[in-house]
Amino acid sequence: MTEQASTQQPRDSADVQVIAQDGREILLVGTAHVSRESADLVRELILDERPDRVCIELDAQRYQALTERRRWEELDLREVTRKRQLAPLIANLVLAAYQKKLGGALGVAPGTELVEAARAAEELGIPVELCDRDVRVTLRRVWSSLSLWEKSKLLGALAASLLDRPEIDEDTLRRLRDQDVLSELMRELGEALPGAKAALIDERDAYLAEKIREAPGRKLVAVVGAGHVSGIRRLLEERRAVDLASLTRIPPVPAYVKWIGWAVPVLVVGALAVLGVRHGADAVAHNALFFVLATGIPTSIGAACSFAHPAVVISALGVAPFTALHPLIGAGHVLAFLQAWLVPPVVRELESVADDAAFPRRWWSNRLLRIFLVFLLTTIGGMIGTYVGGAELIRNLF
C-alpha cells in the first residue's frame, strides 16, 4: 500500500478535478485554507504538471496581505479612516483572526496553500493569475444585500467567532473537503442568510470561473477553496458567459436610507424652530442643550470604554452633536481618526494584530484594535444619543 501511495500522481487526488475543454486542460484543486495537506498537494501538483499558468483564489489586496509580512507597517490608518473604510477592515480582520485560530491548532497559517501555489509557480517561472474579486467589493455587496435583521445576525456570528475556540485536525479538514459536506454547509448558509450566500459564494463562483476561463495557456492549475469547486466546475462546463462588470458594481445606497439620514437634521432643526415660535428663545436653548448632552455624553462614554486618549473622550462631547446633524460624517470615523493621530500603533502591535484580534481582552491593549473599538463604541453611543435627543424634542413638540 505504501508503494502504491508513493506512485500516485497528484492529479489523481480526490481533491483535484480535471476539466478538458476546447483543447485546454484545467486542474481544479479544492483546498481547505488552513490545511497543511492542501498546501503540500498544490505544490506537488504544480511541480509535477508544470502548467502554463497558475490561478489562485486571491485578489491583489489579500495576496499582498498574505505575502508581505510588513504590510501593517505601511497601513495609513488616517487615510483608511478618512475614506470610511474602517468597518470593512474590521470585518476582514475578524474573519482573518478566526481562520488563524483554526490554523493555529495545526501549525499552519491561513491561506498557506495559496501562498505555496504562488511560490511553486514563481520557482518555475510560471505566471500567477489572481482570480478572486476584490475583497472590499465582496464585503460591500454582502452588506448591501442583507436586511437589518440579517445584518444583526451576521454581526452576532462575527462576534461569536472571536469567542469560539475550535478544535480541529486534518481528519476534520479532510471531511470538510468532501463535496457532500460542503454542499450541505452552503445550503444552510443560503437558508440563514440568502443574500450573504449569493454575494459570498455564488457571485464569486461566477467571477472565479470567468477569470479562470480567460486565463491564457493550454494547461492551467486553479487553486480554490473547496466550497467553490462545484459551482466553478458547473459554470465552466456550461460555458456560460459571465459579466464581470456587473459583479464588481457597488450597489447604490437605497434612496430611503439617504432620506432617513437627512431626516434627523431636518427633524432637529425643525423641532427647535417650532419650539422657538411657540415658547421663545429659552425653550430653544433648553432643548438644544439637552440634544447636545444626549448625543455627547453616550458618545463620550463609548470613547472612555474603549480607553481612548483623554482628548478623544473630551472631543466626543463636541463632535457628537455636529455629526448627528450631518448624515455624511459619523462620530465614530472622526474620533477614530483623532485616536489614530494621537496614539498611533507601534510596529509590534501592527505585526501581532491578527493574533490579538482572536482574544477580546487584547482589543484594549493593542493600539490598532483600540482604534477599532473607538470607532465601534462611539458610533453606538452616538446612535443612542441621537435617538434619545430626537425623542425628547418630539415629546416637547406635542
Protein backbone atom coordinates (compact mmCIF):
# COMPACT_ATOMS: atom_id res chain seq x y z
CA MET A 1 0.00 0.00 0.00
CA THR A 2 2.89 2.33 0.77
CA GLU A 3 4.41 1.72 -2.66
CA GLN A 4 1.03 2.37 -4.34
CA ALA A 5 0.56 5.61 -2.42
CA SER A 6 4.05 6.79 -3.33
CA THR A 7 3.44 6.28 -7.05
CA GLN A 8 0.06 8.02 -7.09
CA GLN A 9 0.11 11.17 -9.18
CA PRO A 10 -1.07 14.43 -7.55
CA ARG A 11 -3.70 14.80 -10.30
CA ASP A 12 -5.25 11.52 -9.10
CA SER A 13 -6.10 13.04 -5.71
CA ALA A 14 -9.79 13.21 -4.83
CA ASP A 15 -9.28 16.96 -4.30
CA VAL A 16 -8.26 17.54 -7.94
CA GLN A 17 -10.89 17.81 -10.68
CA VAL A 18 -9.71 17.61 -14.29
CA ILE A 19 -11.71 19.63 -16.83
CA ALA A 20 -10.85 19.16 -20.52
CA GLN A 21 -12.33 21.83 -22.77
CA ASP A 22 -11.50 23.28 -26.20
CA GLY A 23 -8.07 21.70 -26.28
CA ARG A 24 -7.26 23.01 -22.81
CA GLU A 25 -6.87 21.20 -19.51
CA ILE A 26 -7.85 22.81 -16.22
CA LEU A 27 -6.77 21.09 -13.00
CA LEU A 28 -9.18 22.47 -10.39
CA VAL A 29 -7.90 21.92 -6.85
CA GLY A 30 -10.30 22.20 -3.90
CA THR A 31 -8.49 23.07 -0.68
CA ALA A 32 -9.06 23.92 2.97
CA HIS A 33 -7.49 27.31 3.69
CA VAL A 34 -5.85 26.16 6.95
CA SER A 35 -4.65 22.73 5.86
CA ARG A 36 -1.01 21.63 5.59
CA GLU A 37 -2.16 18.68 3.49
CA SER A 38 -3.70 21.08 0.95
CA ALA A 39 -0.51 23.15 0.85
CA ASP A 40 1.57 20.06 0.13
CA LEU A 41 -0.84 18.88 -2.56
CA VAL A 42 -0.84 22.11 -4.58
CA ARG A 43 2.96 22.32 -4.51
CA GLU A 44 3.36 18.72 -5.68
CA LEU A 45 0.74 19.20 -8.39
CA ILE A 46 2.38 22.33 -9.82
CA LEU A 47 5.87 20.85 -9.71
CA ASP A 48 4.63 17.65 -11.37
CA GLU A 49 2.35 19.18 -14.04
CA ARG A 50 4.36 22.31 -14.98
CA PRO A 51 1.22 24.20 -16.14
CA ASP A 52 1.27 27.27 -18.37
CA ARG A 53 -0.38 29.36 -15.65
CA VAL A 54 -1.44 29.02 -12.00
CA CYS A 55 -4.75 30.61 -10.96
CA ILE A 56 -5.37 31.23 -7.25
CA GLU A 57 -8.40 32.33 -5.26
CA LEU A 58 -6.94 35.65 -4.17
CA ASP A 59 -7.35 39.29 -5.12
CA ALA A 60 -4.44 41.73 -5.13
CA GLN A 61 -5.20 43.04 -1.64
CA ARG A 62 -5.40 39.60 0.02
CA TYR A 63 -2.36 38.37 -1.90
CA GLN A 64 -0.34 41.30 -0.62
CA ALA A 65 -1.61 40.68 2.92
CA LEU A 66 -0.52 37.03 2.82
CA THR A 67 2.86 37.51 1.18
CA GLU A 68 4.13 40.79 2.63
CA ARG A 69 4.96 40.45 6.29
CA ARG A 70 5.48 44.23 6.72
CA ARG A 71 2.11 45.18 5.23
CA TRP A 72 0.74 46.57 8.51
CA GLU A 73 3.71 48.93 8.86
CA GLU A 74 2.66 50.60 5.61
CA LEU A 75 -1.01 50.89 6.57
CA ASP A 76 -2.09 54.53 6.74
CA LEU A 77 -4.85 54.39 9.33
CA ARG A 78 -5.67 58.06 8.94
CA GLU A 79 -6.29 57.52 5.24
CA VAL A 80 -8.37 54.39 5.91
CA THR A 81 -10.46 56.32 8.44
CA ARG A 82 -10.84 59.35 6.18
CA LYS A 83 -12.19 57.16 3.40
CA ARG A 84 -14.64 55.50 5.84
CA GLN A 85 -13.13 52.04 5.30
CA LEU A 86 -12.82 51.08 8.96
CA ALA A 87 -15.92 48.86 9.02
CA PRO A 88 -14.79 46.62 6.10
CA LEU A 89 -11.31 46.48 7.62
CA ILE A 90 -12.72 45.34 10.96
CA ALA A 91 -14.86 42.62 9.33
CA ASN A 92 -11.87 41.43 7.31
CA LEU A 93 -9.70 41.36 10.41
CA VAL A 94 -12.23 39.35 12.46
CA LEU A 95 -12.60 36.77 9.68
CA ALA A 96 -8.82 36.53 9.33
CA ALA A 97 -8.42 36.11 13.10
CA TYR A 98 -10.94 33.25 13.14
CA GLN A 99 -9.16 31.49 10.28
CA LYS A 100 -5.86 31.97 12.07
CA LYS A 101 -7.27 30.26 15.15
CA LEU A 102 -8.24 27.27 13.01
CA GLY A 103 -4.77 27.13 11.51
CA GLY A 104 -3.03 27.61 14.84
CA ALA A 105 -4.11 24.19 16.05
CA LEU A 106 -2.39 22.66 13.01
CA GLY A 107 0.72 24.84 12.93
CA VAL A 108 -0.23 26.28 9.56
CA ALA A 109 -1.18 29.84 8.67
CA PRO A 110 -4.47 30.51 6.86
CA GLY A 111 -4.07 30.70 3.10
CA THR A 112 -0.84 28.69 3.20
CA GLU A 113 -1.88 26.57 0.23
CA LEU A 114 -2.49 29.69 -1.87
CA VAL A 115 0.91 31.12 -0.97
CA GLU A 116 2.50 27.72 -1.69
CA ALA A 117 0.87 27.68 -5.11
CA ALA A 118 2.26 31.14 -5.91
CA ARG A 119 5.73 30.27 -4.64
CA ALA A 120 5.87 26.99 -6.57
CA ALA A 121 4.81 28.83 -9.73
CA GLU A 122 7.41 31.55 -9.23
CA GLU A 123 10.15 28.97 -8.70
CA LEU A 124 9.33 27.51 -12.12
CA GLY A 125 8.83 30.87 -13.82
CA ILE A 126 5.10 30.19 -14.29
CA PRO A 127 2.82 33.28 -14.35
CA VAL A 128 0.34 33.57 -11.47
CA GLU A 129 -3.23 34.79 -12.07
CA LEU A 130 -5.10 36.42 -9.16
CA CYS A 131 -8.66 35.37 -9.95
CA ASP A 132 -10.77 36.45 -7.00
CA ARG A 133 -12.90 39.57 -6.75
CA ASP A 134 -11.62 42.49 -4.69
CA VAL A 135 -12.45 41.61 -1.08
CA ARG A 136 -13.71 45.17 -0.44
CA VAL A 137 -16.25 44.81 -3.25
CA THR A 138 -17.37 41.44 -1.87
CA LEU A 139 -17.83 42.80 1.65
CA ARG A 140 -19.81 45.81 0.44
CA ARG A 141 -22.03 43.67 -1.79
CA VAL A 142 -22.63 41.23 1.07
CA TRP A 143 -23.54 44.05 3.45
CA SER A 144 -25.86 45.80 1.00
CA SER A 145 -27.67 42.53 0.24
CA LEU A 146 -28.71 41.94 3.86
CA SER A 147 -31.78 43.13 5.68
CA LEU A 148 -31.40 44.88 9.05
CA TRP A 149 -32.19 41.60 10.85
CA GLU A 150 -29.70 39.66 8.73
CA LYS A 151 -27.03 42.28 9.39
CA SER A 152 -27.63 41.82 13.12
CA LYS A 153 -27.29 38.04 12.76
CA LEU A 154 -24.08 38.42 10.78
CA LEU A 155 -22.55 40.80 13.32
CA GLY A 156 -23.53 38.38 16.08
CA ALA A 157 -21.88 35.50 14.24
CA LEU A 158 -18.69 37.53 13.76
CA ALA A 159 -18.62 38.42 17.46
CA ALA A 160 -19.22 34.79 18.44
CA SER A 161 -16.36 33.68 16.20
CA LEU A 162 -13.94 35.69 18.35
CA LEU A 163 -15.02 33.81 21.47
CA ASP A 164 -15.08 30.38 19.82
CA ARG A 165 -12.14 28.06 20.38
CA PRO A 166 -12.48 25.47 17.62
CA GLU A 167 -10.72 22.14 17.92
CA ILE A 168 -9.88 20.80 14.50
CA ASP A 169 -7.43 18.35 12.95
CA GLU A 170 -6.51 17.16 9.47
CA ASP A 171 -9.13 14.39 9.57
CA THR A 172 -11.83 17.00 10.20
CA LEU A 173 -10.50 19.17 7.40
CA ARG A 174 -10.46 16.18 5.08
CA ARG A 175 -14.14 15.58 5.82
CA LEU A 176 -14.87 19.29 5.24
CA ARG A 177 -13.33 19.00 1.79
CA ASP A 178 -15.82 16.26 0.96
CA GLN A 179 -18.28 17.67 -1.60
CA ASP A 180 -21.42 16.47 0.11
CA VAL A 181 -20.49 18.05 3.46
CA LEU A 182 -19.64 21.39 1.85
CA SER A 183 -22.81 21.36 -0.23
CA GLU A 184 -24.76 20.95 2.98
CA LEU A 185 -22.89 23.85 4.61
CA MET A 186 -23.61 26.08 1.63
CA ARG A 187 -27.27 25.08 1.73
CA GLU A 188 -27.50 26.01 5.42
CA LEU A 189 -25.82 29.36 4.76
CA GLY A 190 -28.27 30.01 1.95
CA GLU A 191 -31.23 29.34 4.26
CA ALA A 192 -29.90 31.53 7.10
CA LEU A 193 -28.51 34.42 5.03
CA PRO A 194 -29.54 34.05 1.37
CA GLY A 195 -28.20 37.46 0.43
CA ALA A 196 -24.82 36.77 2.01
CA LYS A 197 -24.59 33.38 0.35
CA ALA A 198 -25.30 34.89 -3.07
CA ALA A 199 -22.60 37.57 -2.77
CA LEU A 200 -20.06 35.50 -0.85
CA ILE A 201 -20.35 32.18 -2.71
CA ASP A 202 -22.46 32.27 -5.89
CA GLU A 203 -21.12 35.56 -7.30
CA ARG A 204 -17.55 34.62 -6.52
CA ASP A 205 -18.07 31.21 -8.14
CA ALA A 206 -19.07 33.03 -11.32
CA TYR A 207 -16.23 35.56 -11.02
CA LEU A 208 -13.61 32.88 -10.40
CA ALA A 209 -14.91 30.69 -13.23
CA GLU A 210 -14.74 33.55 -15.73
CA LYS A 211 -11.26 34.65 -14.66
CA ILE A 212 -10.02 31.04 -14.93
CA ARG A 213 -11.66 30.73 -18.36
CA GLU A 214 -9.97 33.96 -19.51
CA ALA A 215 -6.52 32.94 -18.24
CA PRO A 216 -4.16 32.17 -21.16
CA GLY A 217 -2.49 28.78 -21.59
CA ARG A 218 -3.37 25.23 -22.61
CA LYS A 219 -2.81 23.74 -19.16
CA LEU A 220 -3.93 25.55 -16.01
CA VAL A 221 -3.81 24.72 -12.32
CA ALA A 222 -6.56 26.57 -10.42
CA VAL A 223 -6.37 26.54 -6.60
CA VAL A 224 -9.63 27.49 -4.86
CA GLY A 225 -11.43 26.81 -1.61
CA ALA A 226 -13.31 23.51 -1.67
CA GLY A 227 -16.64 25.26 -1.28
CA HIS A 228 -16.23 26.86 -4.71
CA VAL A 229 -15.28 23.75 -6.70
CA SER A 230 -18.79 22.56 -7.54
CA GLY A 231 -20.02 25.98 -8.71
CA ILE A 232 -16.89 26.74 -10.72
CA ARG A 233 -16.91 23.37 -12.45
CA ARG A 234 -20.58 23.70 -13.35
CA LEU A 235 -20.08 27.17 -14.82
CA LEU A 236 -17.03 26.12 -16.82
CA GLU A 237 -18.79 23.08 -18.25
CA GLU A 238 -21.91 25.05 -19.09
CA ARG A 239 -19.73 27.62 -20.93
CA ARG A 240 -21.98 30.34 -19.54
CA ALA A 241 -20.73 33.86 -20.20
CA VAL A 242 -20.27 35.95 -17.06
CA ASP A 243 -20.48 39.75 -16.96
CA LEU A 244 -17.61 40.65 -14.63
CA ALA A 245 -18.55 44.34 -14.61
CA SER A 246 -21.93 43.57 -13.06
CA LEU A 247 -20.25 41.51 -10.33
CA THR A 248 -17.89 44.34 -9.35
CA ARG A 249 -20.50 47.08 -9.26
CA ILE A 250 -21.21 48.50 -5.81
CA PRO A 251 -24.98 48.69 -5.27
CA PRO A 252 -26.10 52.29 -4.68
CA VAL A 253 -27.38 53.26 -1.27
CA PRO A 254 -31.19 52.98 -1.30
CA ALA A 255 -32.97 56.31 -1.54
CA TYR A 256 -34.87 55.72 1.70
CA VAL A 257 -31.56 55.38 3.60
CA LYS A 258 -30.47 58.79 2.32
CA TRP A 259 -33.84 60.28 3.28
CA ILE A 260 -33.56 58.79 6.76
CA GLY A 261 -30.06 60.24 7.10
CA TRP A 262 -31.25 63.73 6.25
CA ALA A 263 -34.45 63.31 8.27
CA VAL A 264 -32.54 63.60 11.57
CA PRO A 265 -31.06 67.08 11.00
CA VAL A 266 -34.31 68.28 9.41
CA LEU A 267 -36.27 66.95 12.39
CA VAL A 268 -33.94 68.51 14.97
CA VAL A 269 -33.69 71.91 13.31
CA GLY A 270 -37.41 71.95 12.50
CA ALA A 271 -38.38 70.98 16.04
CA LEU A 272 -36.16 73.71 17.53
CA ALA A 273 -37.63 76.26 15.15
CA VAL A 274 -41.20 75.32 16.09
CA LEU A 275 -40.35 75.35 19.79
CA GLY A 276 -38.82 78.79 19.34
CA VAL A 277 -42.00 80.13 17.72
CA ARG A 278 -44.23 78.58 20.38
CA HIS A 279 -42.19 79.09 23.54
CA GLY A 280 -39.40 81.54 22.79
CA ALA A 281 -35.60 81.52 22.85
CA ASP A 282 -35.34 79.95 26.31
CA ALA A 283 -37.13 76.81 25.09
CA VAL A 284 -34.78 76.61 22.11
CA ALA A 285 -31.71 76.96 24.33
CA HIS A 286 -33.01 74.37 26.81
CA ASN A 287 -33.83 71.77 24.15
CA ALA A 288 -30.66 72.42 22.16
CA LEU A 289 -28.60 71.88 25.30
CA PHE A 290 -30.47 68.65 26.01
CA PHE A 291 -29.75 67.39 22.49
CA VAL A 292 -26.06 68.29 22.79
CA LEU A 293 -25.76 66.44 26.11
CA ALA A 294 -27.91 63.50 24.95
CA THR A 295 -25.65 62.89 21.96
CA GLY A 296 -22.34 63.92 23.50
CA ILE A 297 -22.45 62.02 26.79
CA PRO A 298 -23.11 58.48 25.39
CA THR A 299 -20.51 59.08 22.68
CA SER A 300 -18.00 60.24 25.28
CA ILE A 301 -18.80 57.19 27.41
CA GLY A 302 -18.17 54.98 24.38
CA ALA A 303 -14.77 56.63 23.92
CA ALA A 304 -13.96 56.17 27.60
CA CYS A 305 -14.99 52.50 27.49
CA SER A 306 -12.57 51.96 24.62
CA PHE A 307 -9.74 53.52 26.68
CA ALA A 308 -9.37 56.31 24.13
CA HIS A 309 -6.97 59.20 24.60
CA PRO A 310 -8.41 61.76 27.08
CA ALA A 311 -8.55 64.34 24.28
CA VAL A 312 -10.76 61.95 22.28
CA VAL A 313 -13.09 61.42 25.24
CA ILE A 314 -13.44 65.18 25.72
CA SER A 315 -13.76 65.87 21.98
CA ALA A 316 -16.63 63.38 21.76
CA LEU A 317 -18.82 65.81 23.70
CA GLY A 318 -18.49 68.40 20.95
CA VAL A 319 -18.16 66.10 17.92
CA ALA A 320 -21.30 64.01 18.51
CA PRO A 321 -23.93 66.80 18.23
CA PHE A 322 -22.47 68.07 14.95
CA THR A 323 -22.07 64.63 13.36
CA ALA A 324 -25.62 63.75 14.42
CA LEU A 325 -26.78 66.63 12.22
CA HIS A 326 -24.64 65.59 9.24
CA PRO A 327 -25.55 62.26 7.61
CA LEU A 328 -22.26 62.08 5.66
CA ILE A 329 -19.97 62.30 8.70
CA GLY A 330 -20.07 59.81 11.57
CA ALA A 331 -18.79 60.45 15.09
CA GLY A 332 -17.00 57.09 15.04
CA HIS A 333 -14.95 57.99 11.98
CA VAL A 334 -13.96 61.43 13.30
CA LEU A 335 -12.98 60.14 16.74
CA ALA A 336 -11.16 57.08 15.36
CA PHE A 337 -9.16 59.42 13.12
CA LEU A 338 -8.27 61.55 16.15
CA GLN A 339 -7.28 58.44 18.15
CA ALA A 340 -5.04 57.22 15.30
CA TRP A 341 -3.41 60.65 15.14
CA LEU A 342 -2.80 60.94 18.89
CA VAL A 343 -1.92 57.31 19.69
CA PRO A 344 -0.52 55.63 16.55
CA PRO A 345 0.15 51.87 16.88
CA VAL A 346 3.74 50.68 17.27
CA VAL A 347 5.27 48.15 14.87
CA ARG A 348 4.99 45.28 17.36
CA GLU A 349 1.25 45.85 17.69
CA LEU A 350 0.77 46.04 13.95
CA GLU A 351 2.53 42.71 13.44
CA SER A 352 0.57 40.96 16.21
CA VAL A 353 -2.86 42.36 15.34
CA ALA A 354 -4.21 39.11 13.84
CA ASP A 355 -3.18 37.17 16.97
CA ASP A 356 -4.52 39.82 19.35
CA ALA A 357 -7.85 40.06 17.49
CA ALA A 358 -8.60 36.45 18.46
CA PHE A 359 -8.72 37.45 22.17
CA PRO A 360 -11.35 40.08 23.08
CA ARG A 361 -9.42 41.43 26.09
CA ARG A 362 -6.44 42.29 23.87
CA TRP A 363 -8.55 44.73 21.85
CA TRP A 364 -8.00 47.23 24.68
CA SER A 365 -4.21 46.72 24.88
CA ASN A 366 -3.39 46.71 21.15
CA ARG A 367 -3.44 50.31 19.88
CA LEU A 368 -4.66 49.38 16.40
CA LEU A 369 -7.54 47.35 17.81
CA ARG A 370 -8.27 50.15 20.26
CA ILE A 371 -8.80 52.47 17.28
CA PHE A 372 -11.41 49.99 16.01
CA LEU A 373 -13.03 49.99 19.46
CA VAL A 374 -13.19 53.79 19.45
CA PHE A 375 -14.95 53.62 16.09
CA LEU A 376 -17.43 50.94 17.20
CA LEU A 377 -18.29 52.17 20.69
CA THR A 378 -18.55 55.87 19.82
CA THR A 379 -20.73 55.02 16.82
CA ILE A 380 -23.06 53.06 19.09
CA GLY A 381 -23.02 55.84 21.68
CA GLY A 382 -23.81 58.44 19.04
CA MET A 383 -26.75 56.41 17.71
CA ILE A 384 -28.19 56.01 21.20
CA GLY A 385 -27.77 59.70 21.95
CA THR A 386 -29.36 60.79 18.67
CA TYR A 387 -32.39 58.59 19.39
CA VAL A 388 -32.77 59.90 22.95
CA GLY A 389 -32.28 63.55 21.95
CA GLY A 390 -34.62 63.31 18.97
CA ALA A 391 -37.29 61.57 21.03
CA GLU A 392 -37.18 64.29 23.67
CA LEU A 393 -37.58 67.03 21.03
CA ILE A 394 -40.63 65.30 19.57
CA ARG A 395 -42.13 64.81 23.03
CA ASN A 396 -41.73 68.51 23.77
CA LEU A 397 -43.42 69.41 20.47
CA PHE A 398 -46.59 67.56 21.44
